[in-house]
Protein backbone atom coordinates (compact mmCIF):
# COMPACT_ATOMS: atom_id res chain seq x y z
CA UNK A 1 -0.16 -3.87 12.60
CA UNK A 2 2.37 -4.54 9.90
CA UNK A 3 5.26 -2.33 8.90
CA UNK A 4 6.39 -1.00 5.54
CA UNK A 5 10.09 -0.08 5.66
CA UNK A 6 11.43 2.03 2.80
CA UNK A 7 15.16 2.25 2.05
CA UNK A 8 15.87 1.09 5.65
CA UNK A 9 15.48 4.72 6.76
CA UNK A 10 11.70 5.18 6.89
CA UNK A 11 9.12 2.87 8.45
CA UNK A 12 5.38 3.23 8.91
CA UNK A 13 2.65 0.96 10.19
CA UNK A 14 -0.39 -0.30 8.33
CA UNK A 15 -2.98 -2.88 9.24
CA UNK A 16 -1.89 -6.31 7.93
CA UNK A 17 -4.89 -6.46 5.56
CA UNK A 18 -4.06 -3.03 4.11
CA UNK A 19 -0.37 -3.92 3.83
CA UNK A 20 -1.18 -7.16 1.97
CA UNK A 21 -3.13 -5.25 -0.67
CA UNK A 22 -0.45 -2.57 -0.94
CA UNK A 23 2.19 -5.25 -1.40
CA UNK A 24 0.36 -6.63 -4.44
CA UNK A 25 -0.14 -3.24 -6.08
CA UNK A 26 3.34 -1.90 -5.33
CA UNK A 27 4.92 -5.19 -6.40
CA UNK A 28 3.11 -5.14 -9.74
CA UNK A 29 4.24 -1.59 -10.50
CA UNK A 30 7.86 -2.15 -9.45
CA UNK A 31 8.04 -5.46 -11.32
CA UNK A 32 7.32 -3.49 -14.49
CA UNK A 33 10.12 -1.07 -13.63
CA UNK A 34 7.73 1.80 -12.90
CA UNK A 35 8.46 4.57 -10.38
CA UNK A 36 5.58 6.39 -8.70
CA UNK A 37 4.42 8.35 -5.67
CA UNK A 38 2.59 6.65 -2.80
CA UNK A 39 0.61 8.79 -0.39
CA UNK A 40 -1.65 8.36 2.63
CA UNK A 41 -3.26 10.37 5.42
CA UNK A 42 -1.50 10.10 8.77
CA UNK A 43 -3.45 9.13 11.86
CA UNK A 44 -4.39 12.00 14.18
CA UNK A 45 -2.52 10.16 16.95
CA UNK A 46 0.73 10.66 15.03
CA UNK A 47 0.13 14.33 14.30
CA UNK A 48 -2.19 14.11 11.29
CA UNK A 49 -1.26 15.48 7.90
CA UNK A 50 -0.19 13.23 5.07
CA UNK A 51 2.90 11.43 3.87
CA UNK A 52 4.05 10.86 0.30
CA UNK A 53 7.05 8.76 -0.71
CA UNK A 54 8.63 8.17 -4.13
CA UNK A 55 8.84 4.46 -4.92
CA UNK A 56 11.53 3.29 -7.32
CA UNK A 57 12.46 -0.26 -8.35
CA UNK A 58 16.03 0.13 -7.01
CA UNK A 59 15.01 1.24 -3.50
CA UNK A 60 14.53 -1.66 -1.07
CA UNK A 61 11.14 -2.22 0.56
CA UNK A 62 10.43 -4.57 3.45
CA UNK A 63 6.92 -5.68 4.38
CA UNK A 64 6.69 -7.04 7.93
CA UNK A 65 3.38 -8.57 8.99
CA UNK A 66 2.22 -9.05 12.55
CA UNK A 67 0.17 -12.11 11.61
CA UNK A 68 1.53 -15.20 9.90
CA UNK A 69 -1.78 -15.73 8.06
CA UNK A 70 -2.57 -14.34 4.62
CA UNK A 71 -5.82 -12.36 4.47
CA UNK A 72 -8.35 -12.89 1.72
CA UNK A 73 -7.73 -10.51 -1.15
CA UNK A 74 -10.42 -8.10 -2.33
CA UNK A 75 -9.95 -7.89 -6.10
CA UNK A 76 -12.09 -4.74 -6.29
CA UNK A 77 -9.72 -3.02 -3.85
CA UNK A 78 -6.65 -4.12 -5.82
CA UNK A 79 -8.22 -2.71 -9.00
CA UNK A 80 -9.14 0.57 -7.26
CA UNK A 81 -5.67 0.96 -5.74
CA UNK A 82 -4.05 0.19 -9.09
CA UNK A 83 -6.23 2.81 -10.76
CA UNK A 84 -4.92 5.45 -8.36
CA UNK A 85 -1.35 4.20 -8.82
CA UNK A 86 -1.65 4.71 -12.57
CA UNK A 87 -2.98 8.26 -12.13
CA UNK A 88 -0.97 11.50 -12.01
CA UNK A 89 -0.96 11.68 -8.17
CA UNK A 90 0.31 8.11 -7.79
CA UNK A 91 -0.88 5.38 -5.44
CA UNK A 92 -3.31 6.71 -2.84
CA UNK A 93 -4.44 4.64 0.11
CA UNK A 94 -8.23 4.50 -0.26
CA UNK A 95 -10.86 2.70 1.77
CA UNK A 96 -11.64 -0.90 0.93
CA UNK A 97 -14.75 -1.23 -1.25
CA UNK A 98 -17.37 -3.73 -0.19
CA UNK A 99 -17.09 -7.04 -1.99
CA UNK A 100 -20.25 -8.41 -3.56
CA UNK A 101 -21.80 -11.27 -1.59
CA UNK A 102 -20.87 -14.75 -2.79
CA UNK A 103 -23.75 -16.61 -4.49
C-alpha cells in the first residue's frame, strides 16, 4: 500500500497501482494550474463513507510507494480518471477498466 499525503496534515493509503495512476492524473491537472476536488469511497474497515479533498497547485502532495517498481500503466484508466477529473464533481476514484489483449 502506498500513501498519498496532502498538505502534511492528511494521509491516506492506496494500492501502489492505484496511486501510480492517480499521480499521473493529478500531476497533469496541477501542472496546468488547475484546482479540483478528488473523492473516493472509504473502506468499510476504516468506517466507510467517502472522503473528498480540494487539490490546489500550491498545496504540497507526497506520493509514497511501498514497492520500488513502477507498474504498467493502463491508458484507458488514465483517460477515464481524467474524464472524471474534468467533470463538475472532480476526480473520482473508479475501477480500472480491462485493457484490450495485446495482439
